[in-house]
Structure formats: C-alpha cells, structure tokens
Amino acid sequence: MSQEHSYTIEEVAQLLKVSKLTIYDLVKKGDLPIFRVGRQMRVDRNDLQLYIQKSKTGATPAASTASTTPSTKNKKIIISGQDLALDLLGKYIEKKQSNKVLRSHEGSFNGVMALYNGECDIASLHLYDGDTGEYNTPYLKKIFVSHSYILLNLISRRAGFYVQKGNPLQIQSIEDFKAKSLKLMNREKGSGARAFLDEQLRIHHISPSTIEGYNEEEMGHIDVASAVANGNADVGIGIEKISKLVEIDFIPLITERYDIVLLKTPENQLLVESVKEILNSPDFQSEVVALGDYDVTQMGKIIYETL
C-alpha cells in the first residue's frame, strides 16, 4: 500500500479539523482502521473516506463493508514503550480479551504524556529520579495529580554504558566524563535512558556542554549500541540485552525497574484486572524470562496505586 494514498494521524486530524486525541479515540474504538509504517500509524485514504461516508447523517453503509463491521467493534488497546516484553504482553491481552492491541514505540516520558492525554491505554516507563534514587513513582505523582492510576512492575533489567569490544578506553563510571575525552551517542529527550543519564550528570556535577556528542540523539537502544559498535561513538547508554545482540561490551551502572501504568476508570476496570492476571501468570513470566536478561521477581507487584 503506497504512503501517497494514506495519511498520518496528524494529517487526518487536520483534514477533519479535530484534535489528534479525537483521531486516536476513533482508532481505539475500531471506527477508523490504521496500519503501521515502522513506528508511525497511518490511515488508508479509502478507509478515511468510508468513515466519513458512514458518519454522514442518514448514510447507509455499503453492503460490501458489512462483513468487516464485527471485527471493528472491539476497542483497540494501545501499549506505549519499546521493550520486547510489551509485545508479549500485547499478545496475551489479545488472547484474554479478544481486543486488538496496537504498539506505540514512544520513550518513557512521551508515553506517560500520551496516557495522560488519552492517546494510549498502557504506558511503560523507567524514569530515574536522582534526588530519591527511585524509579517512576516520583514522576507520576507530579504528572497524574488529578488522575487515578495503578503502577505495576513489569520487569527489572540492568542499564549502563555501551562501550566498544574490549573496552579500549577503560570506561567504568559516570565520572569518566570528567577524566576522559569521550564521544557520546545520546538517547532522545523523554526516554528513560536519557533521564537516567541526565540525572547522573546532575548528581555528579558534570555539565552536558562539556561532553562531545551530547546533542547527538538516537531513538532506541539498538541504534545507540550500533553507533558504538561502528566507532561513531565511544560510549552510549542503554540496557544489557541489546549489547549482546550487537556484540559490544556492557558496563552495568544500575538495575532499573521497568513498570507499566494504567488509568483507573470504569472503562478500564476489565483491562486493569486482565493485565494484573497476566503479569502474575507463570506462563507469561516464563516466556519473559526466556527472552533473556530480565528479572521477573517483582512482576505484577503493585508499586503504587491511588485510591
């Protein structure tokens, strides 16, 4: 299907003169079909025209579309985040609830804001707070002041530095940015890896302006790891699992808690209960462990829940 005959969510919103939130809601309800190109959601031109036709007052849907109606009645669930465990969670949700699950590969902060704005149903996050040494909860308490929500642990995993094979520059800690001339490949703003790095630089009184490459960004762990492997950077920040895929060395700095957050609303009650059951399922936990480099000891634990 050609992209010339399709639109982004933003373009659809502009054409219909509504907000992107309204379009995401149509997608989630199954009223407007989408397909994906990489991380981007797109709407086929014919599907948009069909939606407009069906929405006209007094319009009768064409007989040829009647057979597709049942498959679009179920609400679509959008999970935000980049970890493989989220793909597996989506498959389990589809089996349990017969809902179609879509994936949005946003970083932690952008995913949380998407949840806040009603643009996704489950947001994953690993946002480190340097003042408390705590993950995720300090951020959510400030963002979701007027929302009721539940924070559940998905996995724990090690985060640290990607360095070239053999670690020729002998990089061991954040302090090496003071002592050595290192070229960094950074993650995008809003990602959990970027938040951890920025908090560590702040705690250790290291100015980002002194680090070569600080403003060079990649959108995922594997992109950062590849930059290090190719010699385009001396060091990057990411998770252990990816270092093994790219065959570079990994210097662990912290074991991070990777959680998921869901809003507590009457409409979400069934989804919340289903996710809790899945996370506490031995079958699901076994499959996540089989992915490698994940700790599921706290999986399903309620980290924080509002009344």
Protein backbone atom coordinates (compact mmCIF):
# COMPACT_ATOMS: atom_id res chain seq x y z
CA MET A 1 0.00 0.00 0.00
CA SER A 2 1.53 3.33 -1.07
CA GLN A 3 2.05 6.03 1.54
CA GLU A 4 0.87 8.55 -1.08
CA HIS A 5 -2.59 7.06 -0.61
CA SER A 6 -2.58 7.28 3.17
CA TYR A 7 -2.35 9.88 5.93
CA THR A 8 -0.63 10.26 9.29
CA ILE A 9 -2.78 10.71 12.41
CA GLU A 10 -1.87 14.40 12.42
CA GLU A 11 -2.88 14.81 8.76
CA VAL A 12 -6.24 13.12 9.41
CA ALA A 13 -6.82 15.46 12.36
CA GLN A 14 -6.07 18.45 10.13
CA LEU A 15 -8.34 17.21 7.35
CA LEU A 16 -11.26 16.64 9.74
CA LYS A 17 -10.42 19.78 11.75
CA VAL A 18 -10.37 17.91 15.07
CA SER A 19 -7.66 17.15 17.65
CA LYS A 20 -5.26 14.21 17.35
CA LEU A 21 -6.83 12.90 20.58
CA THR A 22 -10.16 12.55 18.75
CA ILE A 23 -8.50 10.54 15.97
CA TYR A 24 -6.69 8.27 18.47
CA ASP A 25 -10.06 7.67 20.15
CA LEU A 26 -11.59 6.63 16.82
CA VAL A 27 -8.68 4.24 16.27
CA LYS A 28 -9.01 2.75 19.75
CA LYS A 29 -12.77 2.21 19.28
CA GLY A 30 -12.16 0.50 15.95
CA ASP A 31 -14.09 3.12 13.99
CA LEU A 32 -11.05 4.11 11.93
CA PRO A 33 -8.65 1.33 10.77
CA ILE A 34 -4.91 2.02 10.73
CA PHE A 35 -1.73 0.34 9.54
CA ARG A 36 1.86 0.92 10.59
CA VAL A 37 4.98 2.01 8.73
CA GLY A 38 7.79 1.49 11.22
CA ARG A 39 6.68 3.33 14.35
CA GLN A 40 4.19 5.54 12.52
CA MET A 41 0.44 4.94 12.40
CA ARG A 42 -1.18 5.68 9.04
CA VAL A 43 -4.76 5.74 7.78
CA ASP A 44 -5.58 4.48 4.29
CA ARG A 45 -7.35 7.10 2.17
CA ASN A 46 -10.19 4.71 1.28
CA ASP A 47 -10.76 3.85 4.96
CA LEU A 48 -10.96 7.56 5.81
CA GLN A 49 -13.43 8.18 3.01
CA LEU A 50 -15.51 5.21 4.15
CA TYR A 51 -15.54 6.53 7.73
CA ILE A 52 -16.69 9.96 6.50
CA GLN A 53 -19.42 8.37 4.38
CA LYS A 54 -20.70 6.23 7.28
CA SER A 55 -20.67 9.25 9.58
CA LYS A 56 -22.92 11.34 7.35
CA THR A 57 -26.45 11.75 8.71
CA GLY A 58 -28.76 9.22 7.12
CA ALA A 59 -25.98 7.45 5.25
CA THR A 60 -26.27 3.69 4.81
CA PRO A 61 -23.03 1.68 4.81
CA ALA A 62 -22.37 -0.19 1.57
CA ALA A 63 -23.28 -3.87 1.64
CA SER A 64 -19.74 -4.82 0.69
CA THR A 65 -18.44 -3.46 4.02
CA ALA A 66 -20.94 -5.28 6.21
CA SER A 67 -18.70 -8.30 6.69
CA THR A 68 -15.93 -6.16 8.19
CA THR A 69 -18.13 -4.45 10.77
CA PRO A 70 -17.89 -7.12 13.54
CA SER A 71 -14.06 -7.05 13.53
CA THR A 72 -14.01 -3.28 14.21
CA LYS A 73 -16.47 -3.23 17.10
CA ASN A 74 -13.99 -4.19 19.79
CA LYS A 75 -11.98 -1.40 21.34
CA LYS A 76 -8.33 -1.33 20.30
CA ILE A 77 -5.74 -1.14 23.07
CA ILE A 78 -2.58 0.89 22.57
CA ILE A 79 0.58 0.00 24.54
CA SER A 80 3.38 2.56 24.57
CA GLY A 81 7.03 1.58 25.00
CA GLN A 82 9.91 -0.17 23.26
CA ASP A 83 10.70 -3.32 25.25
CA LEU A 84 10.09 -6.79 23.78
CA ALA A 85 8.18 -7.78 26.91
CA LEU A 86 5.47 -5.32 25.89
CA ASP A 87 4.96 -7.13 22.59
CA LEU A 88 4.45 -10.33 24.54
CA LEU A 89 2.03 -8.58 26.92
CA GLY A 90 0.05 -7.39 23.91
CA LYS A 91 -0.31 -10.95 22.60
CA TYR A 92 -1.59 -12.17 25.97
CA ILE A 93 -4.11 -9.33 26.17
CA GLU A 94 -5.42 -10.19 22.70
CA LYS A 95 -5.91 -13.81 23.75
CA LYS A 96 -7.59 -12.91 27.03
CA GLN A 97 -9.88 -10.10 25.92
CA SER A 98 -10.18 -10.53 22.14
CA ASN A 99 -9.11 -6.91 21.74
CA LYS A 100 -6.72 -5.85 19.03
CA VAL A 101 -3.53 -4.45 20.55
CA LEU A 102 -1.53 -1.72 18.82
CA ARG A 103 2.03 -0.73 19.74
CA SER A 104 3.34 2.81 20.03
CA HIS A 105 7.12 2.89 20.46
CA GLU A 106 7.42 6.09 22.47
CA GLY A 107 10.03 6.77 25.14
CA SER A 108 9.01 6.77 28.79
CA PHE A 109 8.03 10.41 29.28
CA ASN A 110 6.25 10.74 25.93
CA GLY A 111 4.38 7.51 26.64
CA VAL A 112 3.23 8.76 30.03
CA MET A 113 2.03 12.01 28.46
CA ALA A 114 0.19 10.02 25.78
CA LEU A 115 -1.61 8.14 28.57
CA TYR A 116 -2.37 11.45 30.30
CA ASN A 117 -3.87 12.78 27.07
CA GLY A 118 -5.89 9.64 26.37
CA GLU A 119 -3.76 8.60 23.40
CA CYS A 120 -2.79 5.17 24.77
CA ASP A 121 -4.08 2.67 27.34
CA ILE A 122 -0.87 1.30 28.86
CA ALA A 123 2.36 3.28 29.21
CA SER A 124 5.69 1.75 30.15
CA LEU A 125 8.34 3.78 31.94
CA HIS A 126 11.76 3.64 33.56
CA LEU A 127 12.29 7.20 34.75
CA TYR A 128 15.02 7.60 37.37
CA ASP A 129 14.77 10.33 40.00
CA GLY A 130 18.24 11.33 41.21
CA ASP A 131 17.02 13.02 44.39
CA THR A 132 15.30 9.92 45.76
CA GLY A 133 17.07 7.15 43.85
CA GLU A 134 13.57 5.90 43.00
CA TYR A 135 12.10 4.92 39.65
CA ASN A 136 8.83 6.19 38.16
CA THR A 137 6.69 6.97 41.21
CA PRO A 138 8.11 10.49 41.83
CA TYR A 139 7.31 11.45 38.23
CA LEU A 140 3.78 10.01 38.19
CA LYS A 141 2.82 11.70 41.46
CA LYS A 142 3.60 15.05 39.84
CA ILE A 143 2.07 14.35 36.42
CA PHE A 144 -1.12 12.48 37.39
CA VAL A 145 -2.20 14.83 40.18
CA SER A 146 -5.86 14.71 39.13
CA HIS A 147 -5.88 11.14 37.76
CA SER A 148 -6.48 7.82 39.43
CA TYR A 149 -3.95 5.21 38.32
CA ILE A 150 -2.12 1.99 39.14
CA LEU A 151 1.61 1.36 38.67
CA LEU A 152 2.62 -2.29 38.17
CA ASN A 153 6.08 -3.76 37.82
CA LEU A 154 6.78 -5.48 34.52
CA ILE A 155 10.47 -6.39 34.78
CA SER A 156 13.79 -5.35 36.24
CA ARG A 157 16.83 -5.09 33.96
CA ARG A 158 20.35 -3.73 34.07
CA ALA A 159 21.17 -0.39 32.46
CA GLY A 160 24.61 1.01 31.85
CA PHE A 161 27.21 2.01 29.29
CA TYR A 162 27.71 0.54 25.85
CA VAL A 163 31.43 0.53 25.04
CA GLN A 164 33.45 -0.89 22.18
CA LYS A 165 34.59 -4.52 22.33
CA GLY A 166 37.37 -4.92 24.88
CA ASN A 167 36.55 -1.52 26.41
CA PRO A 168 39.75 0.08 24.99
CA LEU A 169 39.15 3.38 26.83
CA GLN A 170 38.58 1.57 30.16
CA ILE A 171 35.26 3.30 30.81
CA GLN A 172 33.83 2.31 34.19
CA SER A 173 31.60 5.05 35.62
CA ILE A 174 29.90 8.38 35.03
CA GLU A 175 32.97 10.08 36.46
CA ASP A 176 34.89 9.11 33.34
CA PHE A 177 33.19 12.01 31.56
CA LYS A 178 35.27 14.26 33.80
CA ALA A 179 38.55 12.41 33.49
CA LYS A 180 38.50 11.40 29.82
CA SER A 181 37.64 12.86 26.44
CA LEU A 182 34.73 10.67 25.39
CA LYS A 183 32.34 10.93 22.48
CA LEU A 184 28.77 10.10 23.50
CA MET A 185 25.81 8.87 21.48
CA ASN A 186 22.77 10.05 23.43
CA ARG A 187 19.14 8.94 23.52
CA GLU A 188 16.24 11.20 22.60
CA LYS A 189 14.70 13.58 25.13
CA GLY A 190 11.90 11.91 27.06
CA SER A 191 13.41 8.43 27.03
CA GLY A 192 14.16 6.63 30.29
CA ALA A 193 17.81 6.14 29.32
CA ARG A 194 18.19 9.88 28.72
CA ALA A 195 16.55 10.69 32.07
CA PHE A 196 18.96 8.37 33.88
CA LEU A 197 22.00 9.86 32.17
CA ASP A 198 20.88 13.44 32.80
CA GLU A 199 20.18 12.73 36.45
CA GLN A 200 23.59 11.10 36.88
CA LEU A 201 25.32 14.07 35.23
CA ARG A 202 23.42 16.43 37.54
CA ILE A 203 24.28 14.46 40.68
CA HIS A 204 27.96 14.30 39.72
CA HIS A 205 28.07 17.98 38.74
CA ILE A 206 29.02 17.29 35.12
CA SER A 207 27.86 19.87 32.57
CA PRO A 208 26.40 18.33 29.39
CA SER A 209 28.10 21.12 27.42
CA THR A 210 31.48 19.54 28.22
CA ILE A 211 30.54 16.19 26.61
CA GLU A 212 31.20 15.69 22.91
CA GLY A 213 28.16 14.24 21.17
CA TYR A 214 25.70 15.03 23.98
CA ASN A 215 23.30 16.63 21.48
CA GLU A 216 23.52 13.72 19.03
CA GLU A 217 20.47 11.52 19.57
CA GLU A 218 19.18 8.12 18.53
CA MET A 219 15.64 6.80 19.05
CA GLY A 220 16.37 3.36 20.50
CA HIS A 221 18.81 1.20 22.43
CA ILE A 222 19.87 -0.74 19.36
CA ASP A 223 20.63 2.45 17.41
CA VAL A 224 22.87 3.72 20.22
CA ALA A 225 24.61 0.35 20.51
CA SER A 226 25.19 0.26 16.74
CA ALA A 227 26.75 3.73 16.84
CA VAL A 228 29.23 2.48 19.44
CA ALA A 229 29.91 -0.74 17.53
CA ASN A 230 30.58 1.21 14.33
CA GLY A 231 33.02 3.55 16.05
CA ASN A 232 30.78 6.59 15.68
CA ALA A 233 30.79 6.99 19.48
CA ASP A 234 32.94 5.83 22.39
CA VAL A 235 30.05 5.34 24.78
CA GLY A 236 26.26 5.18 24.88
CA ILE A 237 23.59 4.49 27.48
CA GLY A 238 21.22 1.52 27.25
CA ILE A 239 20.15 -1.89 28.53
CA GLU A 240 22.26 -5.03 28.81
CA LYS A 241 20.21 -7.22 26.46
CA ILE A 242 20.94 -5.10 23.39
CA SER A 243 24.71 -5.15 23.95
CA LYS A 244 24.69 -8.90 23.41
CA LEU A 245 22.77 -8.58 20.16
CA VAL A 246 25.21 -6.02 18.76
CA GLU A 247 28.30 -7.71 20.24
CA ILE A 248 29.74 -4.81 22.19
CA ASP A 249 30.73 -4.64 25.85
CA PHE A 250 28.40 -3.53 28.60
CA ILE A 251 29.30 -1.70 31.83
CA PRO A 252 26.41 -2.04 34.33
CA LEU A 253 25.52 1.08 36.31
CA ILE A 254 22.11 0.30 37.82
CA THR A 255 19.31 -2.25 37.96
CA GLU A 256 16.29 -0.33 36.78
CA ARG A 257 12.65 -1.01 37.48
CA TYR A 258 10.62 -1.10 34.30
CA ASP A 259 6.96 -0.55 35.13
CA ILE A 260 3.65 -0.05 33.37
CA VAL A 261 0.94 2.42 34.37
CA LEU A 262 -2.79 2.29 33.61
CA LEU A 263 -5.52 4.78 34.46
CA LYS A 264 -8.21 3.55 36.85
CA THR A 265 -11.52 4.36 35.18
CA PRO A 266 -14.79 2.40 34.93
CA GLU A 267 -14.00 1.74 31.26
CA ASN A 268 -10.54 0.41 32.14
CA GLN A 269 -11.54 -1.87 35.00
CA LEU A 270 -11.55 -5.06 32.92
CA LEU A 271 -8.22 -4.17 31.28
CA VAL A 272 -6.56 -3.48 34.63
CA GLU A 273 -7.72 -6.79 36.04
CA SER A 274 -6.66 -8.68 32.91
CA VAL A 275 -3.17 -7.14 32.98
CA LYS A 276 -2.75 -8.00 36.67
CA GLU A 277 -3.73 -11.61 35.97
CA ILE A 278 -1.37 -11.85 33.00
CA LEU A 279 1.60 -10.43 34.91
CA ASN A 280 1.06 -12.94 37.71
CA SER A 281 0.68 -15.85 35.30
CA PRO A 282 3.54 -18.41 35.45
CA ASP A 283 3.22 -18.93 31.68
CA PHE A 284 3.72 -15.25 30.92
CA GLN A 285 6.59 -14.93 33.37
CA SER A 286 8.31 -17.97 31.86
CA GLU A 287 8.08 -16.52 28.37
CA VAL A 288 9.54 -13.21 29.52
CA VAL A 289 12.42 -14.99 31.26
CA ALA A 290 13.09 -16.89 28.04
CA LEU A 291 13.72 -13.56 26.29
CA GLY A 292 16.88 -13.25 28.40
CA ASP A 293 18.38 -10.68 30.81
CA TYR A 294 15.11 -9.93 32.59
CA ASP A 295 14.34 -10.27 36.30
CA VAL A 296 10.66 -11.07 36.93
CA THR A 297 10.91 -11.30 40.73
CA GLN A 298 8.61 -8.31 41.23
CA MET A 299 6.49 -8.78 38.10
CA GLY A 300 2.85 -7.97 38.82
CA LYS A 301 3.64 -6.22 42.10
CA ILE A 302 1.59 -3.08 42.70
CA ILE A 303 4.28 -0.42 43.08
CA TYR A 304 1.79 2.39 43.68
CA GLU A 305 -1.97 2.80 43.45
CA THR A 306 -4.22 5.77 44.06
CA LEU A 307 -7.49 5.37 45.91
